[in-house]
Amino acid sequence: MTKEDCCTKEIKEILVLFEPKIRKTLLQTAVQDREDLAQEMRLKLIEKYRNIQFNKAPKFWDLVNF
């Protein structure tokens, strides 16, 4: 399994976990805007996940001082 496959799997899991919250939140918006807003929320989740994964890597000196 490549790193890209792993990330894809993790992203799918996150989207599945957040789907009930997304649907509940969409009830507060107009019907015609719901699908667009749902897509934007899913994109933001993916962006945040990728940003967290990138920032998660330890620095060299963090490992040396550990």
PDB file of N, CA and C in Angstrom:
ATOM      1  N   MET A   1       0.846  -1.173   0.000  1.00  0.00           N
ATOM      2  CA  MET A   1       0.000   0.000   0.000  1.00  0.00           C
ATOM      3  C   MET A   1       0.895   1.240   0.000  1.00  0.00           C
ATOM      4  N   THR A   2       0.669   2.130  -0.933  1.00  0.00           N
ATOM      5  CA  THR A   2       1.470   3.334  -1.020  1.00  0.00           C
ATOM      6  C   THR A   2       0.953   4.383  -0.053  1.00  0.00           C
ATOM      7  N   LYS A   3       1.761   5.399   0.150  1.00  0.00           N
ATOM      8  CA  LYS A   3       1.360   6.484   1.051  1.00  0.00           C
ATOM      9  C   LYS A   3       0.106   7.183   0.529  1.00  0.00           C
ATOM     10  N   GLU A   4       0.028   7.343  -0.787  1.00  0.00           N
ATOM     11  CA  GLU A   4      -1.131   8.004  -1.388  1.00  0.00           C
ATOM     12  C   GLU A   4      -2.405   7.191  -1.157  1.00  0.00           C
ATOM     13  N   ASP A   5      -2.319   5.870  -1.283  1.00  0.00           N
ATOM     14  CA  ASP A   5      -3.465   5.005  -1.021  1.00  0.00           C
ATOM     15  C   ASP A   5      -3.899   5.112   0.433  1.00  0.00           C
ATOM     16  N   CYS A   6      -2.926   5.162   1.317  1.00  0.00           N
ATOM     17  CA  CYS A   6      -3.215   5.269   2.743  1.00  0.00           C
ATOM     18  C   CYS A   6      -3.935   6.578   3.037  1.00  0.00           C
ATOM     19  N   CYS A   7      -3.461   7.656   2.481  1.00  0.00           N
ATOM     20  CA  CYS A   7      -4.092   8.955   2.698  1.00  0.00           C
ATOM     21  C   CYS A   7      -5.507   8.975   2.126  1.00  0.00           C
ATOM     22  N   THR A   8      -5.689   8.371   0.983  1.00  0.00           N
ATOM     23  CA  THR A   8      -7.016   8.318   0.366  1.00  0.00           C
ATOM     24  C   THR A   8      -7.981   7.559   1.269  1.00  0.00           C
ATOM     25  N   LYS A   9      -7.520   6.456   1.808  1.00  0.00           N
ATOM     26  CA  LYS A   9      -8.356   5.663   2.711  1.00  0.00           C
ATOM     27  C   LYS A   9      -8.699   6.460   3.964  1.00  0.00           C
ATOM     28  N   GLU A  10      -7.718   7.128   4.541  1.00  0.00           N
ATOM     29  CA  GLU A  10      -7.947   7.927   5.746  1.00  0.00           C
ATOM     30  C   GLU A  10      -8.901   9.090   5.474  1.00  0.00           C
ATOM     31  N   ILE A  11      -8.756   9.733   4.333  1.00  0.00           N
ATOM     32  CA  ILE A  11      -9.636  10.836   3.972  1.00  0.00           C
ATOM     33  C   ILE A  11     -11.069  10.342   3.827  1.00  0.00           C
ATOM     34  N   LYS A  12     -11.249   9.187   3.192  1.00  0.00           N
ATOM     35  CA  LYS A  12     -12.596   8.621   3.057  1.00  0.00           C
ATOM     36  C   LYS A  12     -13.205   8.334   4.418  1.00  0.00           C
ATOM     37  N   GLU A  13     -12.395   7.797   5.334  1.00  0.00           N
ATOM     38  CA  GLU A  13     -12.884   7.519   6.684  1.00  0.00           C
ATOM     39  C   GLU A  13     -13.319   8.796   7.399  1.00  0.00           C
ATOM     40  N   ILE A  14     -12.523   9.837   7.252  1.00  0.00           N
ATOM     41  CA  ILE A  14     -12.855  11.113   7.889  1.00  0.00           C
ATOM     42  C   ILE A  14     -14.158  11.675   7.318  1.00  0.00           C
ATOM     43  N   LEU A  15     -14.301  11.607   6.002  1.00  0.00           N
ATOM     44  CA  LEU A  15     -15.525  12.115   5.380  1.00  0.00           C
ATOM     45  C   LEU A  15     -16.751  11.326   5.844  1.00  0.00           C
ATOM     46  N   VAL A  16     -16.598  10.024   5.988  1.00  0.00           N
ATOM     47  CA  VAL A  16     -17.718   9.205   6.480  1.00  0.00           C
ATOM     48  C   VAL A  16     -18.064   9.591   7.915  1.00  0.00           C
ATOM     49  N   LEU A  17     -17.048   9.817   8.734  1.00  0.00           N
ATOM     50  CA  LEU A  17     -17.291  10.194  10.133  1.00  0.00           C
ATOM     51  C   LEU A  17     -17.981  11.554  10.253  1.00  0.00           C
ATOM     52  N   PHE A  18     -17.633  12.482   9.393  1.00  0.00           N
ATOM     53  CA  PHE A  18     -18.189  13.829   9.467  1.00  0.00           C
ATOM     54  C   PHE A  18     -19.501  13.999   8.699  1.00  0.00           C
ATOM     55  N   GLU A  19     -19.880  13.030   7.904  1.00  0.00           N
ATOM     56  CA  GLU A  19     -21.075  13.163   7.075  1.00  0.00           C
ATOM     57  C   GLU A  19     -22.345  13.466   7.877  1.00  0.00           C
ATOM     58  N   PRO A  20     -22.595  12.798   9.011  1.00  0.00           N
ATOM     59  CA  PRO A  20     -23.798  13.160   9.785  1.00  0.00           C
ATOM     60  C   PRO A  20     -23.796  14.620  10.250  1.00  0.00           C
ATOM     61  N   LYS A  21     -22.652  15.112  10.653  1.00  0.00           N
ATOM     62  CA  LYS A  21     -22.553  16.512  11.094  1.00  0.00           C
ATOM     63  C   LYS A  21     -22.771  17.460   9.922  1.00  0.00           C
ATOM     64  N   ILE A  22     -22.228  17.122   8.777  1.00  0.00           N
ATOM     65  CA  ILE A  22     -22.419  17.947   7.582  1.00  0.00           C
ATOM     66  C   ILE A  22     -23.901  18.016   7.243  1.00  0.00           C
ATOM     67  N   ARG A  23     -24.559  16.870   7.229  1.00  0.00           N
ATOM     68  CA  ARG A  23     -25.996  16.839   6.895  1.00  0.00           C
ATOM     69  C   ARG A  23     -26.831  17.631   7.901  1.00  0.00           C
ATOM     70  N   LYS A  24     -26.499  17.500   9.166  1.00  0.00           N
ATOM     71  CA  LYS A  24     -27.239  18.237  10.196  1.00  0.00           C
ATOM     72  C   LYS A  24     -27.039  19.737  10.037  1.00  0.00           C
ATOM     73  N   THR A  25     -25.828  20.140   9.752  1.00  0.00           N
ATOM     74  CA  THR A  25     -25.531  21.561   9.569  1.00  0.00           C
ATOM     75  C   THR A  25     -26.237  22.120   8.342  1.00  0.00           C
ATOM     76  N   LEU A  26     -26.368  21.324   7.304  1.00  0.00           N
ATOM     77  CA  LEU A  26     -27.007  21.776   6.065  1.00  0.00           C
ATOM     78  C   LEU A  26     -28.489  22.101   6.252  1.00  0.00           C
ATOM     79  N   LEU A  27     -29.099  21.553   7.278  1.00  0.00           N
ATOM     80  CA  LEU A  27     -30.513  21.844   7.527  1.00  0.00           C
ATOM     81  C   LEU A  27     -30.743  23.317   7.874  1.00  0.00           C
ATOM     82  N   GLN A  28     -29.667  24.011   8.236  1.00  0.00           N
ATOM     83  CA  GLN A  28     -29.770  25.421   8.596  1.00  0.00           C
ATOM     84  C   GLN A  28     -29.644  26.345   7.385  1.00  0.00           C
ATOM     85  N   THR A  29     -29.415  25.771   6.212  1.00  0.00           N
ATOM     86  CA  THR A  29     -29.232  26.588   5.011  1.00  0.00           C
ATOM     87  C   THR A  29     -30.391  26.386   4.040  1.00  0.00           C
ATOM     88  N   ALA A  30     -30.463  27.260   3.067  1.00  0.00           N
ATOM     89  CA  ALA A  30     -31.506  27.158   2.047  1.00  0.00           C
ATOM     90  C   ALA A  30     -31.294  25.893   1.214  1.00  0.00           C
ATOM     91  N   VAL A  31     -32.370  25.302   0.763  1.00  0.00           N
ATOM     92  CA  VAL A  31     -32.325  24.043   0.022  1.00  0.00           C
ATOM     93  C   VAL A  31     -31.451  24.154  -1.219  1.00  0.00           C
ATOM     94  N   GLN A  32     -31.547  25.246  -1.946  1.00  0.00           N
ATOM     95  CA  GLN A  32     -30.793  25.387  -3.184  1.00  0.00           C
ATOM     96  C   GLN A  32     -29.281  25.526  -2.957  1.00  0.00           C
ATOM     97  N   ASP A  33     -28.866  25.846  -1.740  1.00  0.00           N
ATOM     98  CA  ASP A  33     -27.441  26.025  -1.449  1.00  0.00           C
ATOM     99  C   ASP A  33     -26.803  24.819  -0.766  1.00  0.00           C
ATOM    100  N   ARG A  34     -27.575  23.843  -0.405  1.00  0.00           N
ATOM    101  CA  ARG A  34     -27.074  22.745   0.423  1.00  0.00           C
ATOM    102  C   ARG A  34     -25.987  21.914  -0.245  1.00  0.00           C
ATOM    103  N   GLU A  35     -26.185  21.528  -1.481  1.00  0.00           N
ATOM    104  CA  GLU A  35     -25.202  20.667  -2.142  1.00  0.00           C
ATOM    105  C   GLU A  35     -23.862  21.389  -2.319  1.00  0.00           C
ATOM    106  N   ASP A  36     -23.920  22.666  -2.692  1.00  0.00           N
ATOM    107  CA  ASP A  36     -22.682  23.441  -2.844  1.00  0.00           C
ATOM    108  C   ASP A  36     -21.956  23.575  -1.507  1.00  0.00           C
ATOM    109  N   LEU A  37     -22.705  23.847  -0.464  1.00  0.00           N
ATOM    110  CA  LEU A  37     -22.104  24.006   0.855  1.00  0.00           C
ATOM    111  C   LEU A  37     -21.526  22.684   1.356  1.00  0.00           C
ATOM    112  N   ALA A  38     -22.227  21.588   1.103  1.00  0.00           N
ATOM    113  CA  ALA A  38     -21.716  20.276   1.505  1.00  0.00           C
ATOM    114  C   ALA A  38     -20.390  19.987   0.814  1.00  0.00           C
ATOM    115  N   GLN A  39     -20.306  20.299  -0.457  1.00  0.00           N
ATOM    116  CA  GLN A  39     -19.065  20.079  -1.193  1.00  0.00           C
ATOM    117  C   GLN A  39     -17.941  20.941  -0.630  1.00  0.00           C
ATOM    118  N   GLU A  40     -18.229  22.179  -0.315  1.00  0.00           N
ATOM    119  CA  GLU A  40     -17.218  23.073   0.259  1.00  0.00           C
ATOM    120  C   GLU A  40     -16.739  22.573   1.617  1.00  0.00           C
ATOM    121  N   MET A  41     -17.655  22.074   2.431  1.00  0.00           N
ATOM    122  CA  MET A  41     -17.265  21.554   3.744  1.00  0.00           C
ATOM    123  C   MET A  41     -16.380  20.324   3.602  1.00  0.00           C
ATOM    124  N   ARG A  42     -16.704  19.458   2.654  1.00  0.00           N
ATOM    125  CA  ARG A  42     -15.867  18.272   2.425  1.00  0.00           C
ATOM    126  C   ARG A  42     -14.472  18.668   1.937  1.00  0.00           C
ATOM    127  N   LEU A  43     -14.411  19.651   1.062  1.00  0.00           N
ATOM    128  CA  LEU A  43     -13.109  20.126   0.580  1.00  0.00           C
ATOM    129  C   LEU A  43     -12.272  20.705   1.716  1.00  0.00           C
ATOM    130  N   LYS A  44     -12.903  21.467   2.599  1.00  0.00           N
ATOM    131  CA  LYS A  44     -12.187  22.047   3.747  1.00  0.00           C
ATOM    132  C   LYS A  44     -11.664  20.959   4.672  1.00  0.00           C
ATOM    133  N   LEU A  45     -12.446  19.911   4.886  1.00  0.00           N
ATOM    134  CA  LEU A  45     -11.979  18.790   5.708  1.00  0.00           C
ATOM    135  C   LEU A  45     -10.739  18.148   5.101  1.00  0.00           C
ATOM    136  N   ILE A  46     -10.759  17.951   3.791  1.00  0.00           N
ATOM    137  CA  ILE A  46      -9.611  17.350   3.110  1.00  0.00           C
ATOM    138  C   ILE A  46      -8.393  18.265   3.205  1.00  0.00           C
ATOM    139  N   GLU A  47      -8.589  19.564   2.987  1.00  0.00           N
ATOM    140  CA  GLU A  47      -7.478  20.517   3.079  1.00  0.00           C
ATOM    141  C   GLU A  47      -6.876  20.520   4.476  1.00  0.00           C
ATOM    142  N   LYS A  48      -7.708  20.531   5.489  1.00  0.00           N
ATOM    143  CA  LYS A  48      -7.215  20.550   6.872  1.00  0.00           C
ATOM    144  C   LYS A  48      -6.476  19.262   7.198  1.00  0.00           C
ATOM    145  N   TYR A  49      -6.998  18.133   6.751  1.00  0.00           N
ATOM    146  CA  TYR A  49      -6.336  16.856   7.005  1.00  0.00           C
ATOM    147  C   TYR A  49      -4.945  16.845   6.377  1.00  0.00           C
ATOM    148  N   ARG A  50      -4.859  17.271   5.143  1.00  0.00           N
ATOM    149  CA  ARG A  50      -3.552  17.280   4.466  1.00  0.00           C
ATOM    150  C   ARG A  50      -2.584  18.250   5.147  1.00  0.00           C
ATOM    151  N   ASN A  51      -3.080  19.378   5.599  1.00  0.00           N
ATOM    152  CA  ASN A  51      -2.237  20.348   6.290  1.00  0.00           C
ATOM    153  C   ASN A  51      -1.741  19.771   7.615  1.00  0.00           C
ATOM    154  N   ILE A  52      -2.607  19.099   8.347  1.00  0.00           N
ATOM    155  CA  ILE A  52      -2.213  18.507   9.617  1.00  0.00           C
ATOM    156  C   ILE A  52      -1.182  17.415   9.387  1.00  0.00           C
ATOM    157  N   GLN A  53      -1.396  16.574   8.380  1.00  0.00           N
ATOM    158  CA  GLN A  53      -0.453  15.508   8.074  1.00  0.00           C
ATOM    159  C   GLN A  53       0.919  16.086   7.743  1.00  0.00           C
ATOM    160  N   PHE A  54       0.956  17.181   6.998  1.00  0.00           N
ATOM    161  CA  PHE A  54       2.224  17.793   6.616  1.00  0.00           C
ATOM    162  C   PHE A  54       2.924  18.384   7.835  1.00  0.00           C
ATOM    163  N   ASN A  55       2.178  19.028   8.703  1.00  0.00           N
ATOM    164  CA  ASN A  55       2.757  19.666   9.882  1.00  0.00           C
ATOM    165  C   ASN A  55       3.098  18.671  10.982  1.00  0.00           C
ATOM    166  N   LYS A  56       2.638  17.458  10.874  1.00  0.00           N
ATOM    167  CA  LYS A  56       2.811  16.460  11.907  1.00  0.00           C
ATOM    168  C   LYS A  56       4.224  15.884  11.963  1.00  0.00           C
ATOM    169  N   ALA A  57       4.958  15.969  10.885  1.00  0.00           N
ATOM    170  CA  ALA A  57       6.294  15.380  10.833  1.00  0.00           C
ATOM    171  C   ALA A  57       7.222  16.075  11.819  1.00  0.00           C
ATOM    172  N   PRO A  58       7.958  15.308  12.614  1.00  0.00           N
ATOM    173  CA  PRO A  58       8.878  15.922  13.587  1.00  0.00           C
ATOM    174  C   PRO A  58      10.096  16.518  12.894  1.00  0.00           C
ATOM    175  N   LYS A  59      10.628  17.538  13.498  1.00  0.00           N
ATOM    176  CA  LYS A  59      11.847  18.167  13.009  1.00  0.00           C
ATOM    177  C   LYS A  59      13.042  17.325  13.458  1.00  0.00           C
ATOM    178  N   PHE A  60      14.151  17.507  12.806  1.00  0.00           N
ATOM    179  CA  PHE A  60      15.352  16.740  13.132  1.00  0.00           C
ATOM    180  C   PHE A  60      15.746  16.925  14.592  1.00  0.00           C
ATOM    181  N   TRP A  61      15.789  18.155  15.064  1.00  0.00           N
ATOM    182  CA  TRP A  61      16.246  18.415  16.432  1.00  0.00           C
ATOM    183  C   TRP A  61      15.249  17.919  17.475  1.00  0.00           C
ATOM    184  N   ASP A  62      13.986  17.828  17.103  1.00  0.00           N
ATOM    185  CA  ASP A  62      13.003  17.244  18.014  1.00  0.00           C
ATOM    186  C   ASP A  62      13.333  15.767  18.256  1.00  0.00           C
ATOM    187  N   LEU A  63      13.772  15.089  17.192  1.00  0.00           N
ATOM    188  CA  LEU A  63      14.124  13.680  17.330  1.00  0.00           C
ATOM    189  C   LEU A  63      15.426  13.489  18.120  1.00  0.00           C
ATOM    190  N   VAL A  64      16.374  14.383  17.898  1.00  0.00           N
ATOM    191  CA  VAL A  64      17.654  14.285  18.589  1.00  0.00           C
ATOM    192  C   VAL A  64      17.464  14.558  20.077  1.00  0.00           C
ATOM    193  N   ASN A  65      16.646  15.536  20.413  1.00  0.00           N
ATOM    194  CA  ASN A  65      16.438  15.900  21.820  1.00  0.00           C
ATOM    195  C   ASN A  65      15.468  14.974  22.524  1.00  0.00           C
ATOM    196  N   PHE A  66      14.821  14.103  21.803  1.00  0.00           N
ATOM    197  CA  PHE A  66      13.853  13.198  22.399  1.00  0.00           C
ATOM    198  C   PHE A  66      14.568  12.176  23.207  1.00  0.00           C
TER     199      PHE A  66
END
